[in-house]
Amino acid sequence: MYMDTSNNGTSATRRPQPAEVCGCGRVKLPVGPLADQKSHYRARAAVLKALAHPTRLYIVDRLAQREHCVCELTELIGADISTVSRHLGVLREAGIASDDKRGKEVWYRLRVPCILDFFACADTVLAERLAQLGFERDGDDA
């Protein structure tokens, strides 16, 4: 909660508004005092930190195609099951992936497919950076 002094100079305590989805499908988060904004930026940083490992990026790409059990991902990645499970736990805790236990198997799926929009943006940044450094895109040098 924070103080709102927009009521003719009087102060009233009100709760921040919940997140809303605008017409373009993006989430509009409420604007509050600096402390609330800092918390929001810390939360964003936690999501980005969860993605800040090549193996987790690979897992997200695989989960974008379809759900996978831990055993499948272990084989695809070529790491031991404890390492893959740890990576999946990071993605789950960040809200990027969700799990479903089916008998003795745990299946994972991408919880928020919009994360792929971020990947597309990152690829654009990489392409622009390569162009800036003088490298050609694949297929452009013919």
Protein backbone atom coordinates (compact mmCIF):
# COMPACT_ATOMS: atom_id res chain seq x y z
CA MET A 1 0.00 0.00 0.00
CA TYR A 2 1.10 3.56 -0.54
CA MET A 3 -0.12 7.10 0.00
CA ASP A 4 -2.16 8.74 -2.73
CA THR A 5 -2.20 12.54 -2.51
CA SER A 6 -4.13 13.11 -5.72
CA ASN A 7 -7.46 13.67 -3.90
CA ASN A 8 -7.40 17.47 -3.63
CA GLY A 9 -4.29 17.43 -1.50
CA THR A 10 -5.71 14.99 1.03
CA SER A 11 -3.91 11.75 1.57
CA ALA A 12 -5.54 8.36 1.44
CA THR A 13 -4.03 4.95 1.64
CA ARG A 14 -4.81 2.73 -1.31
CA ARG A 15 -3.58 -0.56 -2.64
CA PRO A 16 -1.60 -0.78 -5.88
CA GLN A 17 -3.77 -1.92 -8.77
CA PRO A 18 -3.32 -5.49 -10.00
CA ALA A 19 -1.61 -6.12 -13.30
CA GLU A 20 -3.85 -5.71 -16.34
CA VAL A 21 -3.49 -6.93 -19.91
CA CYS A 22 -3.67 -4.18 -22.52
CA GLY A 23 -5.14 -4.61 -26.00
CA CYS A 24 -1.84 -5.80 -27.49
CA GLY A 25 -1.70 -8.70 -25.04
CA ARG A 26 1.13 -7.27 -22.96
CA VAL A 27 0.84 -7.05 -19.21
CA LYS A 28 0.60 -3.52 -17.89
CA LEU A 29 1.96 -3.39 -14.37
CA PRO A 30 0.82 -0.73 -11.96
CA VAL A 31 3.12 2.21 -11.41
CA GLY A 32 3.84 2.82 -7.76
CA PRO A 33 6.47 4.36 -5.59
CA LEU A 34 10.13 3.77 -6.30
CA ALA A 35 10.29 0.88 -3.81
CA ASP A 36 7.57 -0.97 -5.75
CA GLN A 37 9.39 -0.27 -9.01
CA LYS A 38 12.66 -1.59 -7.60
CA SER A 39 10.90 -4.78 -6.51
CA HIS A 40 9.50 -5.14 -10.00
CA TYR A 41 12.94 -4.70 -11.56
CA ARG A 42 14.40 -7.25 -9.14
CA ALA A 43 11.66 -9.69 -10.14
CA ARG A 44 12.43 -9.08 -13.83
CA ALA A 45 16.12 -9.64 -13.15
CA ALA A 46 15.28 -12.97 -11.50
CA VAL A 47 13.50 -14.11 -14.68
CA LEU A 48 16.44 -13.02 -16.83
CA LYS A 49 18.87 -14.71 -14.45
CA ALA A 50 16.92 -17.96 -14.82
CA LEU A 51 17.49 -17.70 -18.58
CA ALA A 52 21.17 -16.79 -18.23
CA HIS A 53 22.56 -20.25 -18.90
CA PRO A 54 22.97 -21.94 -22.31
CA THR A 55 21.48 -25.21 -21.07
CA ARG A 56 18.36 -23.47 -19.76
CA LEU A 57 17.98 -21.60 -23.05
CA TYR A 58 18.19 -24.94 -24.85
CA ILE A 59 15.58 -26.42 -22.51
CA VAL A 60 13.22 -23.52 -23.17
CA ASP A 61 13.66 -24.01 -26.93
CA ARG A 62 12.85 -27.71 -26.56
CA LEU A 63 9.83 -27.02 -24.34
CA ALA A 64 8.58 -24.54 -26.93
CA GLN A 65 8.23 -27.48 -29.34
CA ARG A 66 6.41 -29.80 -26.93
CA GLU A 67 6.43 -31.00 -23.35
CA HIS A 68 9.26 -33.30 -22.28
CA CYS A 69 9.92 -35.62 -19.40
CA VAL A 70 13.11 -35.16 -17.42
CA CYS A 71 14.53 -38.39 -18.84
CA GLU A 72 14.13 -37.10 -22.43
CA LEU A 73 15.78 -33.79 -21.61
CA THR A 74 18.61 -35.61 -19.83
CA GLU A 75 19.30 -37.60 -22.98
CA LEU A 76 19.02 -34.55 -25.27
CA ILE A 77 21.33 -32.44 -23.13
CA GLY A 78 23.81 -35.19 -22.35
CA ALA A 79 24.10 -34.34 -18.68
CA ASP A 80 23.25 -36.30 -15.56
CA ILE A 81 19.67 -36.20 -14.31
CA SER A 82 20.52 -34.17 -11.21
CA THR A 83 22.01 -31.37 -13.32
CA VAL A 84 19.03 -31.30 -15.69
CA SER A 85 16.61 -31.39 -12.75
CA ARG A 86 18.41 -28.44 -11.18
CA HIS A 87 18.11 -26.43 -14.42
CA LEU A 88 14.42 -27.33 -14.67
CA GLY A 89 13.91 -26.29 -11.06
CA VAL A 90 15.40 -22.86 -11.80
CA LEU A 91 13.03 -22.43 -14.77
CA ARG A 92 10.07 -23.63 -12.70
CA GLU A 93 10.85 -21.31 -9.78
CA ALA A 94 11.11 -18.37 -12.19
CA GLY A 95 7.66 -19.20 -13.59
CA ILE A 96 8.96 -20.05 -17.05
CA ALA A 97 8.22 -23.79 -16.95
CA SER A 98 5.71 -25.92 -15.09
CA ASP A 99 5.84 -29.57 -14.15
CA ASP A 100 3.37 -32.42 -13.97
CA LYS A 101 4.15 -35.68 -12.20
CA ARG A 102 2.82 -38.71 -14.06
CA GLY A 103 3.57 -41.88 -12.18
CA LYS A 104 7.34 -41.98 -11.73
CA GLU A 105 8.00 -39.42 -14.49
CA VAL A 106 7.99 -35.65 -14.25
CA TRP A 107 6.95 -33.82 -17.40
CA TYR A 108 7.75 -30.18 -18.09
CA ARG A 109 6.08 -27.70 -20.37
CA LEU A 110 6.65 -24.07 -21.20
CA ARG A 111 4.38 -22.08 -18.91
CA VAL A 112 4.67 -18.75 -20.72
CA PRO A 113 5.24 -19.12 -24.48
CA CYS A 114 5.65 -15.34 -24.77
CA ILE A 115 9.21 -15.85 -23.51
CA LEU A 116 9.95 -16.82 -27.12
CA ASP A 117 9.25 -13.19 -28.10
CA PHE A 118 12.17 -12.26 -25.89
CA PHE A 119 14.32 -14.84 -27.68
CA ALA A 120 13.36 -13.31 -31.05
CA CYS A 121 14.33 -9.90 -29.72
CA ALA A 122 17.66 -11.25 -28.44
CA ASP A 123 18.32 -12.79 -31.88
CA THR A 124 17.63 -9.40 -33.49
CA VAL A 125 20.09 -7.75 -31.12
CA LEU A 126 22.70 -10.39 -32.00
CA ALA A 127 22.13 -9.93 -35.75
CA GLU A 128 22.42 -6.15 -35.43
CA ARG A 129 25.59 -6.52 -33.41
CA LEU A 130 27.12 -8.86 -36.00
CA ALA A 131 26.15 -6.46 -38.79
CA GLN A 132 27.74 -3.62 -36.84
CA LEU A 133 30.93 -5.67 -36.60
CA GLY A 134 30.86 -6.35 -40.35
CA PHE A 135 29.66 -9.94 -40.40
CA GLU A 136 27.11 -11.09 -42.99
CA ARG A 137 23.99 -13.03 -42.12
CA ASP A 138 23.83 -16.64 -43.30
CA GLY A 139 22.87 -16.72 -46.95
CA ASP A 140 23.53 -12.99 -47.54
CA ASP A 141 27.02 -13.44 -48.94
CA ALA A 142 26.04 -15.03 -52.29
